[in-house]
């Protein structure tokens, strides 16, 4: 089955290369990169920072991966439809999940997390960032326009030396579910701590942050106390059991006259897309924030993007992975990072690189 799926992925890449030539003209660089990349497979890693990234079991959605740092604790699950890539040593790929069912989604990132300090709604952002320049193809503005239709609050600079795309977390997330919790957070950084970048300089990118301690491990493998379930509550999702919207506790001061229904996904996203509304909420340590983002237009198995244009983005990223980040906008501190990378499965220790 794995050989068949790999063959299908390679055939899909070839057909998308024809689409690329039709839309943007023939590109020998793109062709060479696509031919070289056709044998690569997906590896997904999760961590509090780049330093602590660890390979996870994609689609093992009943068994989350735990990340912990002085700023955030969370359980993370990543689902990718038709996954046949790299897994932790001694495990086999899980190709899919009952989660997908008849849904059109190609991927899902679901997180159950706690912030160890208070942050305003405008300061917690979600998106992607790269350490080096990329080479956006002609017509990239079409994809950005379509992305803005989906998420009007999205801000981006794909031509920067360190390209980025970020949106207020509560405007970006498809599902938000907030629950109270009484257990205290542990090992939080002092409120006045200053996180610096390499060589003690300012932290200009969340990708260069390093913390006093970082944990990235399968939640079931945590042997010390407190356990992830003590900090975050029980992980209740997996397979056909979906996370459902319940945003009642996002704005406790407005519970008598909420600006959107407690299950109103579109209404909540529109409300938080307005700059003045983002500051109405404060993320606090005494709540667990369960969030999920998913989409039908990005196939991470191949890096094929279908958003107004059909294109394989890998040649234009110059061999960089796609790192999905939730961070503090004001301090550049990452809360968690999910890295999607196309890698050579024959490389030694590829699950650890």
Protein backbone atom coordinates (compact mmCIF):
# COMPACT_ATOMS: atom_id res chain seq x y z
CA UNK A 1 0.00 0.00 0.00
CA UNK A 2 2.81 2.41 0.90
CA UNK A 3 4.51 1.83 -2.50
CA UNK A 4 1.21 2.45 -4.29
CA UNK A 5 0.62 5.71 -2.41
CA UNK A 6 4.15 6.91 -3.10
CA UNK A 7 3.58 6.21 -6.77
CA UNK A 8 0.34 8.20 -6.69
CA UNK A 9 2.09 11.12 -5.00
CA UNK A 10 4.83 11.17 -7.65
CA UNK A 11 2.23 11.05 -10.46
CA UNK A 12 0.33 13.92 -8.82
CA UNK A 13 3.54 15.99 -8.68
CA UNK A 14 4.17 15.42 -12.38
CA UNK A 15 0.68 16.56 -13.33
CA UNK A 16 1.00 19.69 -11.17
CA UNK A 17 4.30 20.54 -12.90
CA UNK A 18 2.39 20.72 -16.18
CA UNK A 19 -0.08 23.11 -14.52
CA UNK A 20 2.84 25.18 -13.24
CA UNK A 21 4.32 25.54 -16.74
CA UNK A 22 0.91 26.53 -18.11
CA UNK A 23 0.35 29.22 -15.46
CA UNK A 24 3.83 30.67 -15.09
CA UNK A 25 5.88 29.54 -18.06
CA UNK A 26 8.46 26.78 -18.29
CA UNK A 27 11.01 26.79 -15.48
CA UNK A 28 14.03 24.51 -15.65
CA UNK A 29 14.78 25.25 -11.98
CA UNK A 30 11.29 24.19 -10.95
CA UNK A 31 11.53 21.07 -13.12
CA UNK A 32 14.88 20.08 -11.68
CA UNK A 33 13.66 20.64 -8.14
CA UNK A 34 10.47 18.69 -8.76
CA UNK A 35 12.35 15.74 -10.22
CA UNK A 36 14.74 15.71 -7.29
CA UNK A 37 11.94 16.09 -4.74
CA UNK A 38 9.70 13.40 -6.18
CA UNK A 39 11.36 10.73 -4.04
CA UNK A 40 11.02 12.74 -0.85
CA UNK A 41 8.38 12.09 1.77
CA UNK A 42 6.83 14.13 4.55
CA UNK A 43 8.25 14.38 8.04
CA UNK A 44 6.34 16.28 10.74
CA UNK A 45 8.09 17.53 13.86
CA UNK A 46 6.69 19.40 16.86
CA UNK A 47 8.40 21.37 19.60
CA UNK A 48 8.41 24.48 21.78
CA UNK A 49 11.25 25.88 19.66
CA UNK A 50 13.26 24.72 16.65
CA UNK A 51 15.85 23.28 19.05
CA UNK A 52 13.34 20.87 20.64
CA UNK A 53 11.56 19.70 17.47
CA UNK A 54 10.83 15.97 17.53
CA UNK A 55 9.29 13.69 14.88
CA UNK A 56 5.72 12.73 15.72
CA UNK A 57 3.27 10.03 14.72
CA UNK A 58 1.00 11.78 12.23
CA UNK A 59 -2.69 10.72 12.45
CA UNK A 60 -2.21 9.08 15.86
CA UNK A 61 -4.92 11.44 17.05
CA UNK A 62 -5.90 9.61 20.25
CA UNK A 63 -2.31 10.00 21.52
CA UNK A 64 -1.11 13.61 21.41
CA UNK A 65 2.43 14.97 21.53
CA UNK A 66 3.26 17.09 24.58
CA UNK A 67 5.24 20.35 24.46
CA UNK A 68 6.24 22.36 27.50
CA UNK A 69 8.30 25.51 28.03
CA UNK A 70 8.44 28.46 30.44
CA UNK A 71 5.65 30.07 28.39
CA UNK A 72 3.23 27.36 27.24
CA UNK A 73 2.12 23.77 27.84
CA UNK A 74 0.18 21.90 25.20
CA UNK A 75 -0.91 18.64 23.63
CA UNK A 76 -0.56 18.64 19.84
CA UNK A 77 -2.04 16.35 17.18
CA UNK A 78 -1.31 16.62 13.45
CA UNK A 79 -3.42 14.84 10.84
CA UNK A 80 -2.47 14.54 7.16
CA UNK A 81 -4.63 12.63 4.73
CA UNK A 82 -2.81 9.79 2.88
CA UNK A 83 0.34 10.16 4.99
CA UNK A 84 3.17 7.73 4.09
CA UNK A 85 6.13 9.61 5.47
CA UNK A 86 8.69 9.48 8.27
CA UNK A 87 7.68 8.38 11.76
CA UNK A 88 9.57 7.94 15.06
CA UNK A 89 11.96 5.01 15.01
CA UNK A 90 10.23 1.66 15.40
CA UNK A 91 6.79 2.87 14.26
CA UNK A 92 4.92 2.62 10.96
CA UNK A 93 3.05 5.42 9.17
CA UNK A 94 -0.65 5.78 9.93
CA UNK A 95 -2.06 6.66 6.51
CA UNK A 96 -5.24 8.35 7.66
CA UNK A 97 -7.75 8.73 10.49
CA UNK A 98 -11.48 8.23 10.85
CA UNK A 99 -11.43 11.97 11.51
CA UNK A 100 -11.33 12.66 7.77
CA UNK A 101 -14.39 10.54 6.94
CA UNK A 102 -16.26 12.41 4.20
CA UNK A 103 -14.61 15.75 5.05
CA UNK A 104 -12.76 17.54 2.24
CA UNK A 105 -9.91 18.45 4.58
CA UNK A 106 -6.33 17.48 3.71
CA UNK A 107 -4.75 18.32 7.07
CA UNK A 108 -5.56 19.34 10.63
CA UNK A 109 -3.50 20.79 13.48
CA UNK A 110 -5.25 20.46 16.84
CA UNK A 111 -3.82 21.82 20.09
CA UNK A 112 -5.01 21.76 23.69
CA UNK A 113 -2.90 24.31 25.52
CA UNK A 114 -2.33 26.68 28.42
CA UNK A 115 -0.49 29.98 28.42
CA UNK A 116 1.69 30.50 31.48
CA UNK A 117 1.24 34.28 31.39
CA UNK A 118 -1.51 36.63 30.29
CA UNK A 119 -1.58 37.78 26.65
CA UNK A 120 -4.06 39.95 24.78
CA UNK A 121 -5.98 38.55 21.85
CA UNK A 122 -4.00 40.74 19.46
CA UNK A 123 -0.66 39.51 20.76
CA UNK A 124 -1.25 35.79 20.17
CA UNK A 125 -0.82 35.18 16.45
CA UNK A 126 -0.72 32.06 14.28
CA UNK A 127 1.00 31.56 10.95
CA UNK A 128 4.33 30.67 9.37
CA UNK A 129 7.82 32.11 9.20
CA UNK A 130 11.00 31.30 7.28
CA UNK A 131 14.63 31.98 8.19
CA UNK A 132 15.71 32.68 4.60
CA UNK A 133 14.27 34.45 1.60
CA UNK A 134 11.95 32.55 -0.70
CA UNK A 135 11.31 33.03 -4.42
CA UNK A 136 7.57 33.58 -4.86
CA UNK A 137 6.45 32.76 -8.41
CA UNK A 138 4.65 35.22 -10.62
CA UNK A 139 1.00 35.16 -9.66
CA UNK A 140 1.58 34.69 -5.91
CA UNK A 141 -0.67 37.66 -5.28
CA UNK A 142 -3.59 35.49 -6.45
CA UNK A 143 -3.01 33.01 -3.65
CA UNK A 144 -2.63 35.85 -1.11
CA UNK A 145 -5.94 37.37 -2.29
CA UNK A 146 -7.70 34.05 -1.86
CA UNK A 147 -6.10 33.63 1.58
CA UNK A 148 -7.40 37.06 2.59
CA UNK A 149 -10.88 36.06 1.51
CA UNK A 150 -10.67 33.13 3.91
CA UNK A 151 -8.94 35.12 6.65
CA UNK A 152 -9.29 38.92 6.21
CA UNK A 153 -7.01 39.54 9.21
CA UNK A 154 -4.03 37.78 7.58
CA UNK A 155 -0.91 39.93 7.28
CA UNK A 156 2.10 38.84 5.25
CA UNK A 157 5.42 39.82 3.74
CA UNK A 158 6.57 37.00 1.50
CA UNK A 159 9.34 39.15 0.01
CA UNK A 160 11.11 39.89 3.32
CA UNK A 161 14.54 38.51 4.19
CA UNK A 162 12.67 36.33 6.71
CA UNK A 163 9.25 35.90 5.04
CA UNK A 164 6.20 35.55 7.26
CA UNK A 165 2.41 35.14 7.30
CA UNK A 166 0.50 35.72 10.54
CA UNK A 167 -3.06 36.31 11.67
CA UNK A 168 -4.64 36.85 15.10
CA UNK A 169 -5.06 33.35 16.49
CA UNK A 170 -8.77 33.72 17.18
CA UNK A 171 -9.45 34.94 13.65
CA UNK A 172 -7.40 32.14 12.08
CA UNK A 173 -8.64 29.09 13.99
CA UNK A 174 -11.48 27.01 12.55
CA UNK A 175 -12.47 25.71 15.99
CA UNK A 176 -12.02 27.28 19.45
CA UNK A 177 -13.14 25.60 22.65
CA UNK A 178 -12.27 27.14 26.04
CA UNK A 179 -12.51 25.28 29.34
CA UNK A 180 -11.65 26.32 32.91
CA UNK A 181 -8.96 24.50 34.89
CA UNK A 182 -7.98 24.83 38.54
CA UNK A 183 -4.51 23.25 38.65
CA UNK A 184 -1.68 25.80 38.60
CA UNK A 185 0.81 26.12 35.76
CA UNK A 186 4.34 25.02 36.61
CA UNK A 187 7.83 26.30 35.79
CA UNK A 188 6.61 29.58 34.28
CA UNK A 189 9.21 32.17 33.35
CA UNK A 190 9.34 35.32 35.51
CA UNK A 191 7.05 38.02 34.14
CA UNK A 192 9.96 40.34 33.40
CA UNK A 193 12.18 37.74 31.71
CA UNK A 194 13.84 38.85 28.49
CA UNK A 195 14.36 36.23 25.79
CA UNK A 196 17.29 37.06 23.53
CA UNK A 197 18.30 35.79 20.14
CA UNK A 198 21.61 34.25 19.03
CA UNK A 199 24.70 35.72 20.73
CA UNK A 200 22.57 37.65 23.19
CA UNK A 201 21.07 39.95 20.60
CA UNK A 202 17.38 40.84 20.25
CA UNK A 203 14.99 38.02 19.41
CA UNK A 204 14.01 38.94 15.85
CA UNK A 205 12.44 35.60 14.95
CA UNK A 206 10.61 32.92 16.97
CA UNK A 207 12.68 30.38 15.01
CA UNK A 208 15.86 31.40 16.86
CA UNK A 209 14.43 31.36 20.40
CA UNK A 210 15.98 29.10 23.04
CA UNK A 211 14.51 28.56 26.48
CA UNK A 212 15.88 27.52 29.85
CA UNK A 213 14.04 24.24 29.46
CA UNK A 214 11.93 22.65 26.71
CA UNK A 215 9.97 19.42 26.55
CA UNK A 216 8.78 17.73 23.36
CA UNK A 217 7.68 14.11 23.82
CA UNK A 218 4.72 11.83 23.27
CA UNK A 219 2.31 12.66 26.09
CA UNK A 220 2.06 8.98 27.05
CA UNK A 221 5.84 8.88 27.58
CA UNK A 222 5.93 11.63 30.23
CA UNK A 223 7.10 9.86 33.40
CA UNK A 224 7.36 12.80 35.80
CA UNK A 225 4.68 14.73 37.64
CA UNK A 226 2.65 16.68 36.81
CA UNK A 227 1.45 14.59 33.88
CA UNK A 228 0.03 16.32 30.77
CA UNK A 229 -3.48 15.32 31.86
CA UNK A 230 -2.90 17.08 35.21
CA UNK A 231 -1.91 20.31 33.45
CA UNK A 232 -4.34 20.23 30.52
CA UNK A 233 -7.14 17.84 31.44
CA UNK A 234 -7.96 14.65 29.59
CA UNK A 235 -7.44 14.50 25.83
CA UNK A 236 -10.93 13.55 24.63
CA UNK A 237 -10.60 13.57 20.85
CA UNK A 238 -9.50 11.18 18.14
CA UNK A 239 -10.92 9.37 15.14
CA UNK A 240 -14.50 10.43 14.53
CA UNK A 241 -14.71 12.38 17.82
CA UNK A 242 -14.29 15.99 16.71
CA UNK A 243 -13.42 19.11 18.66
CA UNK A 244 -16.52 21.35 18.74
CA UNK A 245 -16.73 25.13 19.04
CA UNK A 246 -17.52 26.45 22.53
CA UNK A 247 -16.25 30.00 22.86
CA UNK A 248 -18.38 30.97 25.89
CA UNK A 249 -15.37 31.66 28.13
CA UNK A 250 -13.43 33.73 25.61
CA UNK A 251 -15.17 36.91 26.80
CA UNK A 252 -16.38 36.25 30.35
CA UNK A 253 -17.24 39.91 30.92
CA UNK A 254 -19.66 39.80 27.98
CA UNK A 255 -21.39 36.51 28.78
CA UNK A 256 -24.74 38.26 29.34
CA UNK A 257 -24.57 39.93 25.93
CA UNK A 258 -22.05 37.95 23.84
CA UNK A 259 -21.04 39.48 20.49
CA UNK A 260 -21.29 36.07 18.79
CA UNK A 261 -22.98 32.71 19.52
CA UNK A 262 -21.05 30.21 21.64
CA UNK A 263 -20.94 27.86 18.62
CA UNK A 264 -20.67 30.66 16.05
CA UNK A 265 -17.44 29.96 14.19
CA UNK A 266 -17.84 32.42 11.31
CA UNK A 267 -19.15 35.11 13.65
CA UNK A 268 -16.24 34.66 16.08
CA UNK A 269 -13.65 34.82 13.29
CA UNK A 270 -15.18 37.96 11.80
CA UNK A 271 -15.38 39.65 15.20
CA UNK A 272 -11.73 39.02 16.07
CA UNK A 273 -10.59 40.08 12.60
CA UNK A 274 -11.44 43.69 13.58
CA UNK A 275 -8.38 45.35 15.18
CA UNK A 276 -10.34 47.00 17.99
CA UNK A 277 -11.92 43.72 19.09
CA UNK A 278 -8.68 41.78 19.43
CA UNK A 279 -7.82 43.58 22.66
CA UNK A 280 -11.13 42.64 24.27
CA UNK A 281 -9.84 39.20 25.20
CA UNK A 282 -7.03 38.17 27.51
CA UNK A 283 -5.62 34.64 27.33
CA UNK A 284 -5.12 33.53 30.94
CA UNK A 285 -3.32 30.62 32.64
CA UNK A 286 -6.53 29.42 34.29
CA UNK A 287 -8.11 28.27 31.04
CA UNK A 288 -7.33 25.48 28.59
CA UNK A 289 -7.57 26.69 25.00
CA UNK A 290 -8.51 23.89 22.60
CA UNK A 291 -8.00 24.99 19.02
CA UNK A 292 -7.95 23.45 15.58
CA UNK A 293 -7.11 24.65 12.09
CA UNK A 294 -7.72 22.62 8.93
CA UNK A 295 -8.01 23.19 5.19
CA UNK A 296 -8.69 21.43 1.87
CA UNK A 297 -6.19 23.42 -0.21
CA UNK A 298 -2.74 22.34 1.08
CA UNK A 299 -1.39 18.82 0.61
CA UNK A 300 1.62 18.62 2.90
CA UNK A 301 2.57 15.21 1.48
CA UNK A 302 3.72 17.01 -1.65
CA UNK A 303 3.63 20.74 -0.78
CA UNK A 304 0.97 21.19 -3.46
CA UNK A 305 -1.03 24.38 -2.93
CA UNK A 306 -4.49 24.73 -4.48
CA UNK A 307 -5.55 28.26 -3.56
CA UNK A 308 -6.63 30.18 -6.63
CA UNK A 309 -3.57 28.75 -8.37
CA UNK A 310 -2.37 25.14 -8.46
CA UNK A 311 1.32 25.01 -7.72
CA UNK A 312 3.94 22.98 -5.90
CA UNK A 313 5.56 25.48 -3.51
CA UNK A 314 8.64 23.43 -2.62
CA UNK A 315 10.97 24.77 -5.36
CA UNK A 316 10.19 28.33 -4.30
CA UNK A 317 10.96 27.68 -0.64
CA UNK A 318 14.56 26.80 -1.52
CA UNK A 319 14.53 23.54 0.45
CA UNK A 320 13.15 25.17 3.59
CA UNK A 321 10.52 23.42 5.67
CA UNK A 322 7.15 25.00 6.38
CA UNK A 323 7.07 25.89 10.06
CA UNK A 324 3.65 26.67 11.49
CA UNK A 325 3.98 28.81 14.61
CA UNK A 326 1.84 30.22 17.38
CA UNK A 327 3.74 33.08 19.02
CA UNK A 328 3.61 36.32 20.97
CA UNK A 329 3.68 39.06 18.37
CA UNK A 330 5.14 41.66 20.73
CA UNK A 331 7.97 39.46 22.07
CA UNK A 332 8.51 36.96 19.21
CA UNK A 333 8.30 34.15 21.78
CA UNK A 334 7.03 30.89 20.21
CA UNK A 335 4.43 28.86 22.08
CA UNK A 336 4.74 25.86 19.78
CA UNK A 337 6.07 25.02 16.32
CA UNK A 338 4.80 22.40 13.86
CA UNK A 339 7.32 21.72 11.10
CA UNK A 340 6.43 20.11 7.77
CA UNK A 341 9.48 19.04 5.74
CA UNK A 342 9.99 16.93 2.62
CA UNK A 343 12.98 14.67 3.29
CA UNK A 344 14.88 11.81 1.71
CA UNK A 345 13.66 8.64 3.46
CA UNK A 346 17.02 6.95 2.83
CA UNK A 347 19.02 9.49 4.83
CA UNK A 348 20.41 7.97 8.06
CA UNK A 349 18.64 9.08 11.25
CA UNK A 350 16.19 11.12 9.20
CA UNK A 351 13.63 10.91 12.02
CA UNK A 352 16.04 12.86 14.25
CA UNK A 353 17.43 15.51 11.86
